[in-house]
Protein backbone atom coordinates (compact mmCIF):
# COMPACT_ATOMS: atom_id res chain seq x y z
CA UNK A 1 -8.76 -29.23 -12.99
CA UNK A 2 -8.96 -26.86 -10.07
CA UNK A 3 -5.72 -25.75 -10.07
CA UNK A 4 -5.86 -25.13 -13.25
CA UNK A 5 -8.61 -22.99 -13.16
CA UNK A 6 -7.37 -21.59 -10.66
CA UNK A 7 -4.16 -19.94 -11.89
CA UNK A 8 -5.84 -19.24 -14.97
CA UNK A 9 -8.63 -17.13 -13.43
CA UNK A 10 -5.39 -14.80 -12.14
CA UNK A 11 -3.74 -14.83 -15.16
CA UNK A 12 -6.97 -13.71 -16.82
CA UNK A 13 -7.40 -11.17 -14.27
CA UNK A 14 -3.78 -10.03 -14.53
CA UNK A 15 -3.38 -9.85 -18.19
CA UNK A 16 -6.98 -8.14 -18.59
CA UNK A 17 -6.67 -5.12 -16.04
CA UNK A 18 -2.58 -4.48 -17.12
CA UNK A 19 -3.38 -4.51 -20.96
CA UNK A 20 -6.13 -2.33 -18.99
CA UNK A 21 -8.90 -4.07 -21.85
CA UNK A 22 -11.26 -4.00 -18.23
CA UNK A 23 -11.15 -1.79 -15.27
CA UNK A 24 -9.70 -3.57 -11.91
CA UNK A 25 -13.41 -3.14 -10.98
CA UNK A 26 -14.66 -5.03 -14.02
CA UNK A 27 -11.89 -7.69 -13.44
CA UNK A 28 -12.57 -8.23 -9.75
CA UNK A 29 -16.52 -9.10 -10.44
CA UNK A 30 -16.40 -10.78 -13.94
CA UNK A 31 -13.56 -12.75 -14.49
CA UNK A 32 -14.67 -14.77 -11.31
CA UNK A 33 -18.16 -15.43 -11.92
CA UNK A 34 -17.00 -16.47 -15.45
CA UNK A 35 -14.63 -19.00 -14.08
CA UNK A 36 -17.06 -20.11 -10.83
CA UNK A 37 -19.62 -21.25 -13.81
CA UNK A 38 -16.77 -22.97 -15.77
CA UNK A 39 -15.95 -25.07 -13.02
CA UNK A 40 -19.57 -26.14 -12.86
CA UNK A 41 -20.19 -24.26 -9.27
CA UNK A 42 -22.50 -20.94 -11.09
CA UNK A 43 -25.26 -22.08 -9.15
CA UNK A 44 -23.14 -21.15 -5.67
CA UNK A 45 -21.79 -18.30 -6.92
CA UNK A 46 -24.39 -15.76 -4.52
CA UNK A 47 -23.12 -17.73 -1.64
CA UNK A 48 -18.94 -17.50 -2.47
CA UNK A 49 -19.79 -13.73 -2.74
CA UNK A 50 -21.36 -13.24 0.22
CA UNK A 51 -19.13 -15.45 1.62
CA UNK A 52 -16.11 -12.91 0.72
CA UNK A 53 -18.06 -9.94 1.39
CA UNK A 54 -18.71 -11.13 5.11
CA UNK A 55 -15.13 -11.74 5.55
CA UNK A 56 -14.26 -8.27 3.59
CA UNK A 57 -16.61 -6.24 5.37
CA UNK A 58 -14.83 -5.58 8.28
CA UNK A 59 -12.09 -4.15 6.09
CA UNK A 60 -14.46 -2.37 3.77
CA UNK A 61 -15.76 -0.27 7.02
CA UNK A 62 -12.07 -0.03 8.30
CA UNK A 63 -10.92 1.90 5.07
CA UNK A 64 -14.06 4.21 4.52
CA UNK A 65 -13.76 5.42 7.84
CA UNK A 66 -10.06 5.96 7.96
CA UNK A 67 -10.26 7.83 4.46
CA UNK A 68 -13.08 9.78 6.19
CA UNK A 69 -10.63 10.51 9.34
CA UNK A 70 -7.49 11.18 7.44
CA UNK A 71 -9.00 13.29 4.99
CA UNK A 72 -10.18 15.23 8.20
CA UNK A 73 -6.91 15.43 9.37
CA UNK A 74 -5.56 16.39 6.43
CA UNK A 75 -8.42 19.21 6.02
CA UNK A 76 -7.06 20.83 9.40
CA UNK A 77 -3.55 21.19 8.41
CA UNK A 78 -2.00 17.58 11.06
CA UNK A 79 0.30 16.99 8.45
CA UNK A 80 1.44 20.35 7.50
CA UNK A 81 4.39 20.54 9.33
CA UNK A 82 5.35 16.80 7.87
CA UNK A 83 4.86 17.95 4.13
CA UNK A 84 6.78 21.22 4.77
CA UNK A 85 9.59 19.29 6.37
CA UNK A 86 9.92 17.15 3.75
CA UNK A 87 9.31 19.78 0.98
CA UNK A 88 12.82 21.41 3.00
CA UNK A 89 14.57 18.01 2.65
CA UNK A 90 13.52 17.61 -0.83
CA UNK A 91 14.10 21.14 -2.39
CA UNK A 92 12.12 20.15 -5.67
CA UNK A 93 15.09 17.64 -6.23
CA UNK A 94 13.47 14.41 -8.19
CA UNK A 95 16.03 11.88 -6.53
CA UNK A 96 15.38 13.55 -2.73
CA UNK A 97 11.98 13.73 -3.21
CA UNK A 98 11.20 9.35 -4.17
CA UNK A 99 14.10 9.06 -1.33
CA UNK A 100 11.52 11.25 1.05
CA UNK A 101 8.97 8.85 -0.17
CA UNK A 102 10.20 6.10 0.78
CA UNK A 103 11.32 7.15 4.34
CA UNK A 104 7.81 8.55 5.07
CA UNK A 105 6.44 5.51 4.12
CA UNK A 106 8.90 3.48 6.25
CA UNK A 107 8.28 5.82 9.20
CA UNK A 108 4.50 5.53 8.97
CA UNK A 109 4.36 1.65 8.62
CA UNK A 110 5.14 1.70 12.12
CA UNK A 111 1.45 1.89 13.18
CA UNK A 112 1.23 -1.96 11.56
CA UNK A 113 -1.51 -0.58 9.16
CA UNK A 114 -1.11 -0.39 4.89
CA UNK A 115 -4.19 2.02 4.37
CA UNK A 116 -3.00 4.60 6.49
CA UNK A 117 0.76 4.65 5.60
CA UNK A 118 -0.44 4.99 2.23
CA UNK A 119 -3.03 7.71 2.75
CA UNK A 120 -0.41 10.10 4.74
CA UNK A 121 2.31 9.03 2.06
CA UNK A 122 0.03 9.99 -0.58
CA UNK A 123 -1.24 12.92 0.66
CA UNK A 124 2.41 14.39 1.33
CA UNK A 125 3.72 13.44 -1.58
CA UNK A 126 1.13 14.01 -4.00
CA UNK A 127 1.43 17.47 -4.97
CA UNK A 128 5.14 17.51 -5.38
CA UNK A 129 5.11 14.54 -7.86
CA UNK A 130 2.15 16.35 -9.46
CA UNK A 131 3.48 19.86 -9.26
CA UNK A 132 6.86 18.40 -10.46
CA UNK A 133 5.30 16.25 -13.43
CA UNK A 134 7.32 13.46 -11.68
CA UNK A 135 5.96 9.45 -12.14
CA UNK A 136 3.61 8.86 -10.31
CA UNK A 137 3.93 5.23 -10.22
CA UNK A 138 7.62 5.63 -8.91
CA UNK A 139 5.83 7.21 -5.53
CA UNK A 140 3.54 4.04 -5.70
CA UNK A 141 5.89 1.33 -5.98
CA UNK A 142 8.60 3.09 -3.62
CA UNK A 143 6.15 3.35 -0.99
CA UNK A 144 4.07 0.17 -1.42
CA UNK A 145 7.57 -2.10 -1.31
CA UNK A 146 8.92 0.19 1.88
CA UNK A 147 5.53 -0.97 3.80
CA UNK A 148 5.63 -4.43 2.14
CA UNK A 149 9.16 -4.91 4.33
CA UNK A 150 7.51 -3.27 7.25
CA UNK A 151 4.69 -5.25 7.29
CA UNK A 152 6.91 -7.85 8.76
CA UNK A 153 6.30 -5.91 12.01
CA UNK A 154 4.73 -8.31 14.55
CA UNK A 155 1.32 -6.50 14.95
CA UNK A 156 1.51 -5.96 11.27
CA UNK A 157 -0.08 -9.40 10.51
CA UNK A 158 2.10 -11.56 8.41
CA UNK A 159 4.14 -12.68 11.56
CA UNK A 160 1.34 -13.11 13.82
CA UNK A 161 -0.29 -15.19 11.37
CA UNK A 162 2.97 -17.33 10.91
CA UNK A 163 3.31 -17.58 14.48
CA UNK A 164 -0.12 -18.67 14.96
CA UNK A 165 -0.55 -21.06 12.76
CA UNK A 166 3.12 -23.15 13.55
CA UNK A 167 1.79 -22.24 17.49
CA UNK A 168 5.67 -20.27 17.85
CA UNK A 169 6.31 -17.17 19.60
CA UNK A 170 5.59 -14.10 17.50
CA UNK A 171 9.39 -12.44 18.84
CA UNK A 172 11.12 -15.63 18.34
CA UNK A 173 10.19 -15.29 14.93
CA UNK A 174 10.55 -11.42 14.15
CA UNK A 175 13.96 -10.31 16.42
CA UNK A 176 16.47 -12.49 14.51
CA UNK A 177 14.91 -11.51 11.07
CA UNK A 178 15.53 -7.79 11.92
CA UNK A 179 19.08 -7.54 10.65
CA UNK A 180 17.52 -9.41 6.93
CA UNK A 181 14.94 -7.51 7.17
CA UNK A 182 16.82 -3.82 7.80
CA UNK A 183 18.92 -5.09 4.72
CA UNK A 184 15.55 -5.47 2.56
CA UNK A 185 14.57 -1.74 3.92
CA UNK A 186 18.23 -0.35 2.83
CA UNK A 187 17.84 -2.16 -0.38
CA UNK A 188 14.24 0.21 -1.17
CA UNK A 189 16.11 3.28 0.06
CA UNK A 190 18.91 2.06 -2.68
CA UNK A 191 16.07 1.45 -4.87
CA UNK A 192 14.35 5.09 -4.55
CA UNK A 193 18.22 6.74 -5.03
CA UNK A 194 18.43 5.40 -8.01
CA UNK A 195 14.60 6.02 -9.36
CA UNK A 196 15.28 9.26 -8.27
CA UNK A 197 18.43 9.83 -10.06
CA UNK A 198 16.68 8.62 -12.92
CA UNK A 199 13.71 11.07 -12.59
CA UNK A 200 16.19 13.58 -12.10
CA UNK A 201 17.54 12.94 -15.10
CA UNK A 202 14.53 13.16 -16.84
CA UNK A 203 13.28 16.24 -15.48
CA UNK A 204 16.33 18.03 -14.27
CA UNK A 205 16.87 19.59 -11.03
CA UNK A 206 14.99 22.43 -9.94
CA UNK A 207 15.62 24.60 -6.41
CA UNK A 208 12.65 25.10 -4.03
CA UNK A 209 12.03 29.05 -4.75
CA UNK A 210 11.27 28.15 -7.81
CA UNK A 211 9.22 25.16 -7.36
CA UNK A 212 7.12 26.68 -4.29
CA UNK A 213 5.63 29.93 -4.60
CA UNK A 214 3.78 32.05 -2.02
CA UNK A 215 2.17 34.47 -3.64
CA UNK A 216 0.70 33.62 -7.35
CA UNK A 217 1.84 37.24 -8.60
CA UNK A 218 3.71 35.81 -12.16
CA UNK A 219 4.37 33.02 -14.22
CA UNK A 220 7.20 31.16 -14.88
CA UNK A 221 8.16 28.20 -17.40
CA UNK A 222 10.73 25.83 -16.56
CA UNK A 223 11.62 23.54 -19.11
CA UNK A 224 13.29 20.27 -17.68
CA UNK A 225 16.33 17.73 -19.06
CA UNK A 226 13.67 15.85 -20.83
CA UNK A 227 12.17 18.57 -22.97
CA UNK A 228 8.90 18.81 -21.33
CA UNK A 229 7.54 22.74 -19.64
CA UNK A 230 5.87 23.18 -16.62
CA UNK A 231 4.51 26.76 -15.69
CA UNK A 232 4.71 27.66 -12.29
CA UNK A 233 3.49 30.37 -10.27
CA UNK A 234 6.18 32.14 -8.64
CA UNK A 235 6.42 34.93 -5.76
CA UNK A 236 8.37 37.72 -5.57
CA UNK A 237 9.88 37.48 -1.94
CA UNK A 238 9.32 34.29 0.00
CA UNK A 239 11.83 31.85 0.75
CA UNK A 240 10.08 28.89 2.45
CA UNK A 241 7.02 26.65 1.52
CA UNK A 242 4.31 27.92 1.08
CA UNK A 243 1.64 26.61 -1.35
CA UNK A 244 1.78 24.38 -4.28
CA UNK A 245 -0.43 25.85 -6.96
CA UNK A 246 -0.87 24.50 -10.79
CA UNK A 247 -1.78 26.87 -12.97
CA UNK A 248 -4.50 25.72 -15.45
CA UNK A 249 -3.50 23.76 -18.49
CA UNK A 250 -7.02 23.46 -20.35
CA UNK A 251 -8.01 20.41 -17.69
CA UNK A 252 -9.85 21.22 -14.40
CA UNK A 253 -10.21 18.59 -11.69
CA UNK A 254 -7.16 16.59 -10.75
CA UNK A 255 -4.79 19.10 -12.17
CA UNK A 256 -6.49 22.17 -10.58
CA UNK A 257 -5.21 21.69 -6.98
CA UNK A 258 -3.38 22.88 -3.67
CA UNK A 259 -1.31 20.81 -1.99
CA UNK A 260 -0.17 23.25 0.91
CA UNK A 261 -2.79 26.42 1.18
CA UNK A 262 -1.71 28.12 4.02
CA UNK A 263 -4.93 30.26 3.75
CA UNK A 264 -7.71 27.40 3.55
CA UNK A 265 -10.56 27.70 5.22
CA UNK A 266 -10.63 23.62 7.02
CA UNK A 267 -7.43 24.59 8.80
CA UNK A 268 -8.04 24.41 12.94
CA UNK A 269 -4.57 25.56 14.26
CA UNK A 270 -5.99 25.89 17.56
CA UNK A 271 -7.29 21.89 17.43
CA UNK A 272 -3.81 20.75 16.22
CA UNK A 273 -2.59 19.51 19.67
CA UNK A 274 -6.09 17.88 20.06
CA UNK A 275 -5.60 16.20 16.64
CA UNK A 276 -2.47 15.26 17.12
CA UNK A 277 -3.31 13.70 20.60
CA UNK A 278 -6.13 12.18 19.11
CA UNK A 279 -4.13 10.74 16.09
CA UNK A 280 -1.46 9.25 18.53
CA UNK A 281 -4.41 7.52 20.55
CA UNK A 282 -5.83 6.24 18.01
CA UNK A 283 -2.63 4.76 16.67
CA UNK A 284 -1.69 3.27 20.08
CA UNK A 285 -5.15 1.83 20.15
CA UNK A 286 -4.61 0.31 17.04
CA UNK A 287 -1.06 -1.10 17.99
CA UNK A 288 -2.78 -2.53 21.52
CA UNK A 289 -5.78 -4.12 19.95
CA UNK A 290 -8.19 -2.24 22.38
CA UNK A 291 -10.70 -2.81 19.97
CA UNK A 292 -11.34 -3.76 16.84
CA UNK A 293 -9.50 -1.22 13.75
CA UNK A 294 -13.21 -0.88 12.29
CA UNK A 295 -14.64 0.60 15.37
CA UNK A 296 -11.50 2.54 16.08
CA UNK A 297 -11.96 4.54 12.98
CA UNK A 298 -15.67 4.60 13.18
CA UNK A 299 -15.31 6.10 16.89
CA UNK A 300 -11.92 8.32 15.30
CA UNK A 301 -14.20 9.83 12.15
CA UNK A 302 -17.03 10.59 14.26
CA UNK A 303 -14.97 12.71 16.94
CA UNK A 304 -12.52 14.57 14.54
CA UNK A 305 -15.74 15.81 12.69
CA UNK A 306 -17.98 17.07 15.76
CA UNK A 307 -14.75 18.73 17.40
CA UNK A 308 -13.18 20.21 14.18
CA UNK A 309 -16.30 20.79 12.22
CA UNK A 310 -19.27 21.54 14.82
CA UNK A 311 -21.55 22.44 12.52
CA UNK A 312 -24.06 20.27 10.62
CA UNK A 313 -23.32 22.28 6.83
CA UNK A 314 -19.20 21.47 7.72
CA UNK A 315 -19.35 18.29 8.45
CA UNK A 316 -21.52 17.33 5.07
CA UNK A 317 -18.68 19.15 3.44
CA UNK A 318 -16.05 17.36 4.48
CA UNK A 319 -17.65 13.92 3.79
CA UNK A 320 -18.41 15.11 0.66
CA UNK A 321 -14.97 16.66 -0.07
CA UNK A 322 -14.00 12.88 0.75
CA UNK A 323 -16.72 10.96 -1.10
CA UNK A 324 -14.77 9.60 -3.99
CA UNK A 325 -11.92 7.99 -2.08
CA UNK A 326 -14.44 6.54 0.10
CA UNK A 327 -16.70 5.10 -2.93
CA UNK A 328 -13.41 4.02 -5.35
CA UNK A 329 -12.27 2.14 -2.33
CA UNK A 330 -14.69 0.36 -1.15
CA UNK A 331 -16.41 -0.73 -4.20
CA UNK A 332 -12.91 -2.05 -5.26
CA UNK A 333 -12.60 -3.95 -1.58
CA UNK A 334 -16.10 -5.25 -2.24
CA UNK A 335 -15.52 -6.38 -5.95
CA UNK A 336 -12.32 -8.22 -4.63
CA UNK A 337 -14.91 -9.75 -1.96
CA UNK A 338 -16.41 -11.51 -5.17
CA UNK A 339 -12.86 -12.77 -6.36
CA UNK A 340 -11.76 -14.21 -3.21
CA UNK A 341 -15.06 -15.44 -2.31
CA UNK A 342 -15.49 -17.72 -5.89
CA UNK A 343 -11.16 -18.56 -5.40
CA UNK A 344 -11.88 -19.58 -1.88
CA UNK A 345 -15.70 -21.31 -2.39
CA UNK A 346 -14.86 -23.06 -5.13
CA UNK A 347 -11.64 -24.92 -3.66
CA UNK A 348 -9.21 -23.59 -5.92
CA UNK A 349 -7.33 -22.06 -3.61
CA UNK A 350 -6.72 -24.90 -1.12
CA UNK A 351 -5.96 -27.34 -4.50
CA UNK A 352 -3.36 -24.56 -6.06
CA UNK A 353 -1.36 -24.69 -2.61
CA UNK A 354 -1.64 -28.57 -2.59
CA UNK A 355 -0.32 -29.09 -6.20
CA UNK A 356 2.46 -26.52 -5.43
CA UNK A 357 3.73 -28.19 -2.38
CA UNK A 358 3.59 -32.05 -3.97
CA UNK A 359 5.72 -30.45 -7.23
CA UNK A 360 8.62 -30.03 -4.05
CA UNK A 361 11.12 -32.29 -4.77
CA UNK A 362 11.95 -34.61 -1.88
CA UNK A 363 15.94 -34.06 -2.27
CA UNK A 364 14.79 -30.41 -1.79
CA UNK A 365 13.57 -31.36 2.14
CA UNK A 366 16.50 -30.47 3.48
CA UNK A 367 16.51 -27.20 1.82
CA UNK A 368 12.73 -26.42 2.72
CA UNK A 369 13.34 -22.87 4.43
CA UNK A 370 14.90 -21.77 1.16
CA UNK A 371 12.06 -23.75 -0.35
CA UNK A 372 9.57 -21.65 1.66
CA UNK A 373 10.78 -18.41 1.10
CA UNK A 374 11.09 -18.68 -2.81
CA UNK A 375 7.59 -19.86 -2.19
CA UNK A 376 6.17 -17.13 -0.31
CA UNK A 377 6.58 -14.65 -3.42
CA UNK A 378 4.36 -15.95 -5.90
CA UNK A 379 1.69 -17.67 -3.24
CA UNK A 380 1.46 -14.46 -0.54
CA UNK A 381 1.00 -12.30 -4.43
CA UNK A 382 -1.79 -14.97 -5.97
CA UNK A 383 -4.05 -15.43 -2.63
CA UNK A 384 -4.22 -13.82 0.87
CA UNK A 385 -1.77 -14.03 3.59
CA UNK A 386 -4.85 -16.26 5.69
CA UNK A 387 -4.67 -18.48 2.99
CA UNK A 388 -0.81 -18.72 2.76
CA UNK A 389 0.19 -18.58 6.17
CA UNK A 390 -3.03 -21.35 7.79
CA UNK A 391 -3.22 -23.57 4.71
CA UNK A 392 0.42 -23.60 3.25
CA UNK A 393 2.38 -23.04 5.67
CA UNK A 394 1.95 -25.59 8.30
CA UNK A 395 2.29 -28.14 5.09
CA UNK A 396 5.45 -26.92 4.41
CA UNK A 397 6.59 -26.77 8.20
CA UNK A 398 6.02 -30.47 8.15
CA UNK A 399 7.77 -31.29 5.12
CA UNK A 400 10.45 -29.59 6.35
CA UNK A 401 10.08 -30.99 10.09
CA UNK A 402 11.11 -34.57 8.60
CA UNK A 403 13.89 -33.45 7.40
CA UNK A 404 14.92 -31.65 10.28
CA UNK A 405 14.18 -28.00 9.24
CA UNK A 406 13.53 -25.98 12.52
CA UNK A 407 9.40 -24.39 11.73
CA UNK A 408 11.66 -21.08 13.25
CA UNK A 409 13.02 -21.24 9.85
CA UNK A 410 10.04 -22.04 7.75
CA UNK A 411 8.20 -19.02 9.87
CA UNK A 412 11.20 -16.84 9.40
CA UNK A 413 11.60 -17.45 5.34
CA UNK A 414 7.79 -16.64 5.10
CA UNK A 415 8.22 -13.37 5.87
CA UNK A 416 10.09 -12.77 2.29
CA UNK A 417 7.55 -12.37 0.14
CA UNK A 418 6.09 -9.25 1.97
CA UNK A 419 7.41 -6.88 -0.06
CA UNK A 420 5.72 -8.27 -3.21
CA UNK A 421 2.26 -9.12 -1.19
CA UNK A 422 1.73 -5.38 -1.13
CA UNK A 423 1.30 -4.83 -4.60
CA UNK A 424 -1.33 -8.10 -4.68
CA UNK A 425 -4.72 -7.24 -6.33
CA UNK A 426 -5.78 -9.14 -3.08
CA UNK A 427 -4.57 -6.54 -1.02
CA UNK A 428 -7.13 -3.69 -0.22
CA UNK A 429 -4.69 -1.19 0.81
CA UNK A 430 -3.07 -1.22 -2.77
CA UNK A 431 -6.89 0.13 -4.14
CA UNK A 432 -5.99 3.23 -1.36
CA UNK A 433 -2.62 3.70 -2.62
CA UNK A 434 -3.45 3.80 -6.40
CA UNK A 435 -6.83 5.54 -6.37
CA UNK A 436 -5.82 8.58 -4.06
CA UNK A 437 -2.04 8.59 -6.18
CA UNK A 438 -5.06 8.40 -9.27
CA UNK A 439 -2.75 6.04 -10.68
CA UNK A 440 -4.28 2.62 -13.26
CA UNK A 441 -3.87 -0.57 -11.05
CA UNK A 442 -2.39 -2.27 -14.17
CA UNK A 443 0.67 0.70 -14.52
CA UNK A 444 1.27 -0.14 -10.59
CA UNK A 445 1.70 -3.54 -11.39
CA UNK A 446 4.01 -3.44 -14.45
CA UNK A 447 6.26 -0.62 -12.79
CA UNK A 448 6.46 -2.77 -9.07
CA UNK A 449 6.26 -6.08 -9.69
CA UNK A 450 9.73 -6.03 -10.35
CA UNK A 451 11.56 -3.82 -7.77
CA UNK A 452 9.35 -5.95 -5.27
CA UNK A 453 10.02 -9.30 -6.18
CA UNK A 454 13.97 -7.80 -5.81
CA UNK A 455 13.60 -6.61 -2.68
CA UNK A 456 12.15 -9.56 -1.27
CA UNK A 457 15.05 -11.37 -2.61
CA UNK A 458 17.28 -9.21 -0.87
CA UNK A 459 15.26 -10.30 2.41
CA UNK A 460 15.50 -14.06 1.35
CA UNK A 461 19.18 -13.93 0.80
CA UNK A 462 19.74 -11.77 3.54
CA UNK A 463 18.21 -14.24 5.96
CA UNK A 464 20.54 -16.98 4.56
CA UNK A 465 23.61 -14.92 5.01
CA UNK A 466 22.87 -13.73 8.38
CA UNK A 467 22.23 -17.66 9.37
CA UNK A 468 18.48 -17.00 9.93
CA UNK A 469 17.25 -19.03 7.43
């Protein structure tokens, strides 16, 4: 019964947010509350929620201070050279922009943290997508899938969990999987190329000078291939990347922005190398696990604010400037705590895992590694990595061992679903992605899931082909 209700709760949540009948934050709270009552454990709802909040509080704190930290770094101009370099490569070509999104997300993912990857990627690419009226779900889908493949790095989380759960060495799991993961990353780049070509066909192709302007002296209407127009301010002489400025079209707020304003008052060019060194030191400390990540970002945000904006009014202004993102993301994380708290506390997750494992026919025993890889797709989407790697993978490994399947093969196969996992509603980082990109979670899900599943199957197939699974 708990198994059926668990799957029903997840299905109800996904249907409601994908059809936009409820907002994600409301669905994350109300749906599990109703199902908790339905299983006869309504009296324990408070305990489950408090447990869920306690488990996710460090993540919420990390996201809050990470948003402030990277927001300040964007304000002071740390990432301006990166953005200019990407702009030079992209040249206002939708295909290059989408490929550039995948490459940037993959590179930044080397720090092992999805939230920081999405913050940097969206901050760099959002102005271009918005300026050229490109599909924002293409940006979020490509970024999430690229990060999902790179999330298998030993310090990213899943590999370490698999190694811990099965008492294996993380390098023995990860190193033989590198060729398969490389193929998966190539698949993401190919996907970004195809999606980029589709965007180019829809919008047409502009030159860099047409899309980027230095002085807002005149307006040019550029009509794309799909018939839509976009008014751009065009300068009279500049040839390099400059300010991306949206011309008012009747709306204020998100459509009135500057992607790269070379004259913004928050720039701190004299402190560029200090900020770069601080960021490198912060990411290094994260990888080396010198301190818990929330503590590192808390210290980093405080130091960045103090050095770059020593006057209190300036500090308050910077915090206020990023308050919307902080509130949206942290609120979503605490709402997700209700969902995960009920799912775990009522025993739904455990029963769901047991039922899935018991449904595997005995004849599939010799192929348990492949079964694990296939199961990793839905299970890492519908439950947390902790639940999958510590609750399900050991059971699958025991079943495989009875048929001579090595635990190493089980561990490697369990990584296949990570490309899909990064778009799961149970992953806090995905709310950073859709929140900063101003994309509805349901729209992101509808677009991304099919491509993420395909990428995960490519990783699994490559692992089988190379003999590591």
